[in-house]
Amino acid sequence: MNIRHTFFCWGPTSLAVLFAASLSAPVLAQSDDEQAKSDTPKISDTAISSAEQVTLNSPSDLPRGQYRIPDEGDIVGERYTITIENHEDTLVDVARRHNIGFEEIRMANPDVSLWVPGKGTEVVIPAQYILPPGEREGIVVNLSELRLYYYPADKPGIVETYPVSVGREEFATPVGKTKTTVKVKDPAWSPPESMRREAKERGEPAPSVVPPGPDNPLGRHAILLGLPSYLIHGTNRPDGVGMRVSRGCIRMYPEDIESLYDRVPSGTQVNLIDAPFKAGMASDGTLFMQSYPQLEENLDSFEPLLKAMERVSELTEEKNIEVDYARIRSAVESPDGRFIALFGPQAPLPEPEEPAAEEESDPLEQGIFEQIELSDKRRGDDEA
C-alpha cells in the first residue's frame, strides 16, 4: 500500500518553545484549526451546553466509549434507535450525546434533517464497530472512518473508541506509527505563520498567541505526538468532530480527550491507518463488512475494491465460506458505513431462483399445426 506520508518539520525555535512548554504549561503549538476560515457547521451555544451535560454510558456497565472485546470475533457495540424528545435538538446534539461523529450520524440517517429533525423523529445510532485491522495495541486512528480506538495496556480485553476529526485534503493527516510524548493541560495556541498570513490578507490579523480559555482551538487538553507539529487535542468547536476539517491534527470531543488524557501514558504507540473497508466476524459466526468514503489524497494509492476482496479472503479462506462478491462491490462503490452481513446466521437468505418459464408456441404456428392434424384425420377417415 503506497499511501502518501506527509511530515512537517519545526525549526529550532519552535522546538525550543515546545520543549519549554513540556516542562511548564502553557504549550505553544501549531494548531490544526483555521478558525477564521472554518467551514464547520455552527450550532447554538445552548445546544452545545446541553450536549456537554449528558454523559451516556455504553449498554454494558462500562463508561462511555468503552467495550469488552469478545473472546471470539471482531465486533463491539450495538446499533440502536432513539426517539427525539426535545424539539430544539439537532442531529449533531444527538450524535455527541451518543459518542458519534458528524459524518457517522449523517450517513446513518440520510433522510433526517441535521438541524431540525423534529420531536418524535426516530434516529439511528450506529454504535456498532468492526475493530480495525492490524495489531490491537495502544491507539489506532482509522482516518477514513474518522474514529479512534484505544487498547489500554492496564485493561486487557477492553477497547475504547471515540469519533475524531482529521486533516482535510490539503492538510492530510499522515499514516504511519508514532508515539505519544508530552501531555499538556490548558495549552496556549500559536497560529502557524501561514495562517496568520492568510488572516492578514483577509484583513483579519490573527494573534501571535491565543491563551488558554474558551476561544482556544486546542481546547483544554493536548497530547503531543512524535510526529512534529501533530497533536491529539480537544476543541472549542465540538460541532465539527467527525469531519475532515483540521490542519492535520486529531480533534476530539472535550469530554473524550479529557478522559483519554488522564489515562494514556506518555510513550503509548499511535498507529495512524487508512482502512476505508473493514470486515470482521461476529461471535455467532456472521461475517460483516463496513465501507467508508476513501480519502481523496489516497484515491490513486490503492484499489479499494481489490483491498476489500483481499480482506474478506483473509477471513474466509480457511473456513470454506462462499461470499457474494457483488455485495462487496456495491458497498465499496456506495460507502456509507452500514453493517452488511455477507455470511452466517444474520446474513439474508439467498433469493430462490425462479423456475424457467415454459416456451409458449406462436399462436399462428399453433393454428397451422391444428389444421395439419385435422387434415390428416379427415384423410384417414376417407381412406377407411
Protein backbone atom coordinates (compact mmCIF):
# COMPACT_ATOMS: atom_id res chain seq x y z
CA MET A 1 0.00 0.00 0.00
CA ASN A 2 1.63 3.19 -1.16
CA ILE A 3 -0.15 5.85 0.87
CA ARG A 4 1.37 9.30 0.95
CA HIS A 5 3.24 10.23 4.13
CA THR A 6 3.34 13.94 4.91
CA PHE A 7 5.53 15.30 7.70
CA PHE A 8 6.04 18.92 8.68
CA CYS A 9 9.24 19.86 10.47
CA TRP A 10 9.56 22.59 13.04
CA GLY A 11 12.58 24.82 13.17
CA PRO A 12 14.94 25.09 16.16
CA THR A 13 12.98 27.98 17.66
CA SER A 14 9.68 26.10 17.58
CA LEU A 15 11.30 23.01 19.06
CA ALA A 16 12.78 25.10 21.85
CA VAL A 17 9.35 26.58 22.60
CA LEU A 18 7.81 23.11 22.60
CA PHE A 19 10.48 21.75 24.95
CA ALA A 20 10.00 24.67 27.33
CA ALA A 21 6.25 24.17 27.20
CA SER A 22 6.63 20.48 28.03
CA LEU A 23 8.19 21.49 31.34
CA SER A 24 5.52 24.02 32.26
CA ALA A 25 2.16 24.94 30.74
CA PRO A 26 1.05 26.53 28.53
CA VAL A 27 2.22 24.89 25.31
CA LEU A 28 2.72 26.95 22.18
CA ALA A 29 1.86 24.56 19.36
CA GLN A 30 0.75 24.95 15.80
CA SER A 31 -2.92 24.10 15.77
CA ASP A 32 -4.85 22.21 13.16
CA ASP A 33 -7.76 24.69 13.20
CA GLU A 34 -8.17 27.54 10.79
CA GLN A 35 -10.78 29.29 12.85
CA ALA A 36 -11.14 32.35 10.65
CA LYS A 37 -11.94 30.25 7.57
CA SER A 38 -13.55 27.17 9.07
CA ASP A 39 -16.48 25.77 7.14
CA THR A 40 -17.54 23.67 10.11
CA PRO A 41 -21.30 23.83 10.71
CA LYS A 42 -22.29 26.02 13.64
CA ILE A 43 -24.77 25.09 16.33
CA SER A 44 -26.09 27.23 19.14
CA ASP A 45 -24.25 27.67 22.42
CA THR A 46 -27.36 26.39 24.17
CA ALA A 47 -27.30 23.18 22.16
CA ILE A 48 -23.58 22.65 22.83
CA SER A 49 -24.09 23.28 26.55
CA SER A 50 -26.97 20.82 26.58
CA ALA A 51 -24.85 18.16 24.90
CA GLU A 52 -21.99 18.71 27.33
CA GLN A 53 -24.26 17.95 30.27
CA VAL A 54 -25.14 14.49 29.01
CA THR A 55 -22.85 11.55 29.77
CA LEU A 56 -24.21 8.39 28.20
CA ASN A 57 -22.85 5.04 29.35
CA SER A 58 -22.50 2.19 26.93
CA PRO A 59 -25.17 -0.53 27.03
CA SER A 60 -22.93 -2.50 29.42
CA ASP A 61 -21.68 -1.36 32.80
CA LEU A 62 -18.64 0.31 31.24
CA PRO A 63 -18.15 4.09 30.87
CA ARG A 64 -18.86 5.98 27.67
CA GLY A 65 -16.99 4.66 24.67
CA GLN A 66 -15.65 1.51 26.35
CA TYR A 67 -16.44 -2.05 25.28
CA ARG A 68 -15.36 -5.57 26.11
CA ILE A 69 -13.57 -7.31 23.27
CA PRO A 70 -15.34 -10.64 22.62
CA ASP A 71 -13.40 -13.86 23.10
CA GLU A 72 -14.32 -14.75 19.53
CA GLY A 73 -14.98 -12.19 16.85
CA ASP A 74 -14.07 -8.63 15.90
CA ILE A 75 -17.24 -6.67 16.66
CA VAL A 76 -18.17 -4.49 19.63
CA GLY A 77 -21.15 -2.31 20.48
CA GLU A 78 -24.62 -2.33 19.00
CA ARG A 79 -26.74 -0.34 16.58
CA TYR A 80 -29.91 1.08 18.12
CA THR A 81 -32.63 3.67 17.61
CA ILE A 82 -33.71 6.58 19.81
CA THR A 83 -36.64 8.99 19.56
CA ILE A 84 -36.00 12.74 19.78
CA GLU A 85 -37.88 14.21 22.73
CA ASN A 86 -36.76 17.83 22.58
CA HIS A 87 -37.81 19.83 19.52
CA GLU A 88 -34.69 22.02 19.91
CA ASP A 89 -32.30 19.09 19.49
CA THR A 90 -30.25 18.87 16.33
CA LEU A 91 -28.85 15.64 14.93
CA VAL A 92 -25.40 16.94 15.91
CA ASP A 93 -26.53 17.22 19.55
CA VAL A 94 -27.79 13.64 19.45
CA ALA A 95 -24.52 12.45 17.92
CA ARG A 96 -22.42 13.99 20.67
CA ARG A 97 -24.55 12.53 23.45
CA HIS A 98 -24.15 9.07 22.00
CA ASN A 99 -20.41 9.28 21.21
CA ILE A 100 -20.98 9.53 17.45
CA GLY A 101 -19.34 11.88 14.94
CA PHE A 102 -20.89 14.22 12.38
CA GLU A 103 -20.42 12.05 9.28
CA GLU A 104 -21.44 8.89 11.13
CA ILE A 105 -24.80 10.30 12.22
CA ARG A 106 -25.40 11.86 8.81
CA MET A 107 -24.74 8.64 6.87
CA ALA A 108 -26.84 6.55 9.26
CA ASN A 109 -29.82 8.93 8.89
CA PRO A 110 -29.79 10.19 5.29
CA ASP A 111 -33.48 11.19 5.36
CA VAL A 112 -33.36 13.10 8.67
CA SER A 113 -32.68 16.85 8.81
CA LEU A 114 -29.37 17.65 10.52
CA TRP A 115 -30.57 20.86 12.10
CA VAL A 116 -34.32 20.38 12.57
CA PRO A 117 -35.02 16.65 12.91
CA GLY A 118 -38.15 17.39 14.97
CA LYS A 119 -39.66 15.96 18.13
CA GLY A 120 -40.76 12.35 17.75
CA THR A 121 -38.29 11.58 14.95
CA GLU A 122 -36.56 8.21 15.17
CA VAL A 123 -32.79 8.42 14.82
CA VAL A 124 -30.42 5.51 14.19
CA ILE A 125 -27.34 5.44 16.45
CA PRO A 126 -24.61 3.47 14.57
CA ALA A 127 -22.71 2.49 17.72
CA GLN A 128 -21.52 -0.88 16.43
CA TYR A 129 -17.94 -1.23 15.25
CA ILE A 130 -15.71 -3.71 13.48
CA LEU A 131 -12.30 -3.43 15.13
CA PRO A 132 -9.78 -2.10 12.59
CA PRO A 133 -7.26 -4.48 11.01
CA GLY A 134 -3.79 -4.82 12.46
CA GLU A 135 -2.38 -5.18 15.94
CA ARG A 136 -4.56 -4.23 18.88
CA GLU A 137 -2.12 -2.11 20.81
CA GLY A 138 -2.09 1.46 22.04
CA ILE A 139 -4.02 3.99 19.96
CA VAL A 140 -5.24 3.22 16.43
CA VAL A 141 -6.76 6.04 14.35
CA ASN A 142 -8.61 4.95 11.20
CA LEU A 143 -8.59 8.11 9.10
CA SER A 144 -11.30 7.11 6.61
CA GLU A 145 -13.58 6.02 9.44
CA LEU A 146 -12.92 9.23 11.41
CA ARG A 147 -12.63 7.18 14.60
CA LEU A 148 -10.00 6.46 17.25
CA TYR A 149 -9.55 3.14 19.07
CA TYR A 150 -7.58 2.76 22.28
CA TYR A 151 -6.46 -0.56 23.75
CA PRO A 152 -5.38 0.26 27.34
CA ALA A 153 -2.41 -1.85 28.42
CA ASP A 154 -3.67 -1.98 32.01
CA LYS A 155 -7.12 -3.26 30.94
CA PRO A 156 -6.66 -6.27 28.66
CA GLY A 157 -9.87 -7.24 26.93
CA ILE A 158 -11.15 -3.64 26.78
CA VAL A 159 -11.26 -1.29 23.81
CA GLU A 160 -12.30 2.35 23.82
CA THR A 161 -13.49 4.14 20.70
CA TYR A 162 -14.29 7.80 20.02
CA PRO A 163 -15.14 9.90 16.96
CA VAL A 164 -12.42 12.28 15.74
CA SER A 165 -11.75 14.93 13.14
CA VAL A 166 -8.68 14.60 10.92
CA GLY A 167 -6.91 16.76 8.35
CA ARG A 168 -8.73 17.96 5.27
CA GLU A 169 -7.21 17.14 1.89
CA GLU A 170 -4.69 19.99 1.65
CA PHE A 171 -3.56 19.28 5.25
CA ALA A 172 -3.92 15.50 5.20
CA THR A 173 -3.12 13.60 8.40
CA PRO A 174 -0.25 11.21 7.58
CA VAL A 175 -0.35 7.45 8.01
CA GLY A 176 2.34 5.67 9.97
CA LYS A 177 3.35 4.76 13.50
CA THR A 178 4.41 7.20 16.20
CA LYS A 179 4.04 7.60 19.97
CA THR A 180 2.53 9.99 22.47
CA THR A 181 5.10 12.28 24.03
CA VAL A 182 4.07 15.21 26.23
CA LYS A 183 0.62 15.86 27.72
CA VAL A 184 -0.35 19.50 28.37
CA LYS A 185 -3.41 20.80 30.17
CA ASP A 186 -4.81 24.25 29.31
CA PRO A 187 -2.43 24.77 26.38
CA ALA A 188 -1.91 28.09 24.65
CA TRP A 189 -2.09 28.10 20.87
CA SER A 190 0.32 29.74 18.46
CA PRO A 191 -1.25 30.09 14.98
CA PRO A 192 1.17 28.99 12.28
CA GLU A 193 2.74 31.64 10.07
CA SER A 194 0.72 30.54 7.02
CA MET A 195 -2.50 31.03 8.94
CA ARG A 196 -1.52 34.46 10.21
CA ARG A 197 -0.56 35.47 6.67
CA GLU A 198 -3.90 34.30 5.25
CA ALA A 199 -5.79 36.10 8.01
CA LYS A 200 -3.87 39.30 7.32
CA GLU A 201 -4.74 39.09 3.62
CA ARG A 202 -8.41 38.96 4.60
CA GLY A 203 -7.99 41.98 6.83
CA GLU A 204 -8.40 39.88 9.98
CA PRO A 205 -4.93 39.69 11.57
CA ALA A 206 -4.60 36.63 13.82
CA PRO A 207 -2.95 36.96 17.26
CA SER A 208 0.53 35.51 17.69
CA VAL A 209 -0.66 33.54 20.74
CA VAL A 210 -4.15 32.53 21.91
CA PRO A 211 -4.11 31.94 25.69
CA PRO A 212 -5.99 29.10 27.39
CA GLY A 213 -9.73 29.70 27.51
CA PRO A 214 -12.98 29.24 25.60
CA ASP A 215 -11.55 30.71 22.37
CA ASN A 216 -8.59 28.33 22.24
CA PRO A 217 -8.89 25.89 19.31
CA LEU A 218 -6.89 23.24 21.21
CA GLY A 219 -9.46 23.01 23.97
CA ARG A 220 -8.27 22.22 27.48
CA HIS A 221 -6.20 19.09 26.79
CA ALA A 222 -3.49 18.27 24.27
CA ILE A 223 -1.44 15.10 23.76
CA LEU A 224 1.65 15.73 21.63
CA LEU A 225 2.82 13.04 19.19
CA GLY A 226 6.27 12.03 18.00
CA LEU A 227 5.39 13.42 14.56
CA PRO A 228 6.47 17.07 14.68
CA SER A 229 3.53 19.50 14.87
CA TYR A 230 0.84 16.82 15.27
CA LEU A 231 -1.36 16.54 18.35
CA ILE A 232 -4.43 14.77 19.69
CA HIS A 233 -6.44 17.53 21.34
CA GLY A 234 -9.81 18.94 22.29
CA THR A 235 -11.58 21.78 20.55
CA ASN A 236 -13.74 24.85 21.09
CA ARG A 237 -15.80 23.74 18.07
CA PRO A 238 -17.19 20.32 19.10
CA ASP A 239 -19.88 20.51 16.41
CA GLY A 240 -17.19 19.67 13.82
CA VAL A 241 -15.96 16.45 15.43
CA GLY A 242 -16.33 13.60 12.98
CA MET A 243 -15.45 15.62 9.87
CA ARG A 244 -12.32 16.31 7.81
CA VAL A 245 -11.81 19.90 8.90
CA SER A 246 -8.46 20.08 10.69
CA ARG A 247 -4.96 21.08 9.57
CA GLY A 248 -3.69 17.56 10.23
CA CYS A 249 -4.16 17.10 13.97
CA ILE A 250 -6.66 14.73 15.57
CA ARG A 251 -9.51 16.57 17.24
CA MET A 252 -11.85 15.03 19.86
CA TYR A 253 -14.91 15.98 21.85
CA PRO A 254 -13.78 17.83 25.02
CA GLU A 255 -15.17 15.12 27.32
CA ASP A 256 -13.45 12.35 25.32
CA ILE A 257 -9.99 13.92 25.22
CA GLU A 258 -10.27 14.69 28.95
CA SER A 259 -10.93 11.02 29.66
CA LEU A 260 -8.16 9.84 27.36
CA TYR A 261 -5.73 12.47 28.64
CA ASP A 262 -5.94 11.15 32.19
CA ARG A 263 -5.29 7.53 31.26
CA VAL A 264 -2.96 7.38 28.24
CA PRO A 265 0.68 7.12 29.36
CA SER A 266 3.42 9.00 27.54
CA GLY A 267 5.16 6.68 25.11
CA THR A 268 1.93 4.95 24.02
CA GLN A 269 2.08 3.65 20.45
CA VAL A 270 -0.12 5.53 17.97
CA ASN A 271 -0.89 3.82 14.65
CA LEU A 272 -2.43 6.09 12.00
CA ILE A 273 -4.03 3.94 9.29
CA ASP A 274 -6.29 4.44 6.30
CA ALA A 275 -8.69 1.49 6.10
CA PRO A 276 -11.84 2.57 4.25
CA PHE A 277 -13.06 -1.05 4.17
CA LYS A 278 -13.37 -3.23 7.26
CA ALA A 279 -14.56 -6.81 7.66
CA GLY A 280 -14.87 -8.98 10.75
CA MET A 281 -16.62 -11.94 12.33
CA ALA A 282 -19.36 -11.66 14.93
CA SER A 283 -19.37 -14.08 17.85
CA ASP A 284 -22.20 -16.06 16.22
CA GLY A 285 -20.15 -16.66 13.07
CA THR A 286 -21.67 -13.93 10.90
CA LEU A 287 -19.21 -12.21 8.57
CA PHE A 288 -19.86 -8.44 8.46
CA MET A 289 -18.32 -5.63 6.46
CA GLN A 290 -18.32 -1.80 6.54
CA SER A 291 -17.20 0.63 3.86
CA TYR A 292 -16.34 4.33 4.28
CA PRO A 293 -15.58 7.07 1.75
CA GLN A 294 -11.93 6.85 0.75
CA LEU A 295 -9.67 9.83 1.45
CA GLU A 296 -9.25 11.95 -1.67
CA GLU A 297 -5.47 12.12 -1.39
CA ASN A 298 -5.22 8.31 -1.44
CA LEU A 299 -7.58 7.61 -4.34
CA ASP A 300 -4.68 6.71 -6.63
CA SER A 301 -2.66 4.87 -3.99
CA PHE A 302 -4.57 1.57 -3.93
CA GLU A 303 -7.63 -0.04 -5.44
CA PRO A 304 -10.37 -0.09 -2.76
CA LEU A 305 -12.29 -3.00 -4.27
CA LEU A 306 -9.14 -5.12 -4.51
CA LYS A 307 -8.24 -4.35 -0.88
CA ALA A 308 -11.79 -5.25 0.17
CA MET A 309 -11.61 -8.58 -1.65
CA GLU A 310 -8.25 -9.34 -0.05
CA ARG A 311 -9.56 -8.55 3.43
CA VAL A 312 -12.59 -10.83 3.00
CA SER A 313 -10.38 -13.59 1.60
CA GLU A 314 -8.17 -13.40 4.70
CA LEU A 315 -11.20 -14.13 6.87
CA THR A 316 -12.78 -16.82 4.71
CA GLU A 317 -10.03 -18.82 3.02
CA GLU A 318 -9.75 -21.38 5.85
CA LYS A 319 -13.48 -21.56 6.63
CA ASN A 320 -14.83 -22.71 3.26
CA ILE A 321 -17.18 -19.72 3.13
CA GLU A 322 -18.81 -18.62 -0.10
CA VAL A 323 -19.37 -14.87 -0.32
CA ASP A 324 -21.46 -12.80 -2.71
CA TYR A 325 -18.74 -10.52 -4.08
CA ALA A 326 -21.33 -8.41 -5.88
CA ARG A 327 -22.43 -7.14 -2.44
CA ILE A 328 -18.84 -6.19 -1.62
CA ARG A 329 -18.56 -4.26 -4.87
CA SER A 330 -21.83 -2.47 -4.14
CA ALA A 331 -20.66 -1.47 -0.65
CA VAL A 332 -17.30 -0.19 -1.91
CA GLU A 333 -18.93 1.83 -4.66
CA SER A 334 -21.54 3.33 -2.29
CA PRO A 335 -19.69 3.69 1.04
CA ASP A 336 -21.90 4.75 3.96
CA GLY A 337 -20.54 2.87 6.99
CA ARG A 338 -23.51 0.48 7.17
CA PHE A 339 -23.06 -3.00 8.62
CA ILE A 340 -23.61 -5.56 5.86
CA ALA A 341 -23.80 -9.28 6.63
CA LEU A 342 -22.04 -11.36 3.97
CA PHE A 343 -22.34 -14.81 5.51
CA GLY A 344 -23.72 -16.56 8.58
CA PRO A 345 -26.82 -16.58 10.78
CA GLN A 346 -27.53 -12.85 10.34
CA ALA A 347 -26.94 -12.78 6.60
CA PRO A 348 -30.00 -12.60 4.33
CA LEU A 349 -31.00 -15.85 2.70
CA PRO A 350 -30.19 -16.07 -1.00
CA GLU A 351 -33.17 -15.36 -3.18
CA PRO A 352 -34.63 -18.57 -4.68
CA GLU A 353 -34.09 -18.97 -8.38
CA GLU A 354 -37.23 -18.53 -10.42
CA PRO A 355 -38.18 -21.60 -12.48
CA ALA A 356 -37.58 -21.23 -16.18
CA ALA A 357 -40.73 -20.22 -17.99
CA GLU A 358 -42.13 -22.71 -20.49
CA GLU A 359 -41.82 -21.56 -24.06
CA GLU A 360 -45.20 -20.65 -25.49
CA SER A 361 -45.98 -21.61 -29.05
CA ASP A 362 -46.68 -18.90 -31.51
CA PRO A 363 -50.49 -18.69 -31.96
CA LEU A 364 -50.10 -18.66 -35.75
CA GLU A 365 -47.91 -21.76 -35.72
CA GLN A 366 -50.28 -23.48 -33.27
CA GLY A 367 -53.18 -22.86 -35.70
CA ILE A 368 -51.21 -24.33 -38.62
CA PHE A 369 -50.36 -27.48 -36.61
CA GLU A 370 -54.02 -27.93 -35.66
CA GLN A 371 -55.08 -27.61 -39.32
CA ILE A 372 -52.49 -30.19 -40.44
CA GLU A 373 -53.59 -32.59 -37.71
CA LEU A 374 -57.25 -32.15 -38.65
CA SER A 375 -56.44 -32.68 -42.37
CA ASP A 376 -54.58 -35.91 -41.60
CA LYS A 377 -57.53 -37.16 -39.55
CA ARG A 378 -60.02 -36.46 -42.38
CA ARG A 379 -57.75 -38.18 -44.90
CA GLY A 380 -57.65 -41.21 -42.68
CA ASP A 381 -61.45 -41.31 -42.40
CA ASP A 382 -61.83 -41.09 -46.17
CA GLU A 383 -59.41 -43.96 -46.73
CA ALA A 384 -61.33 -46.09 -44.25
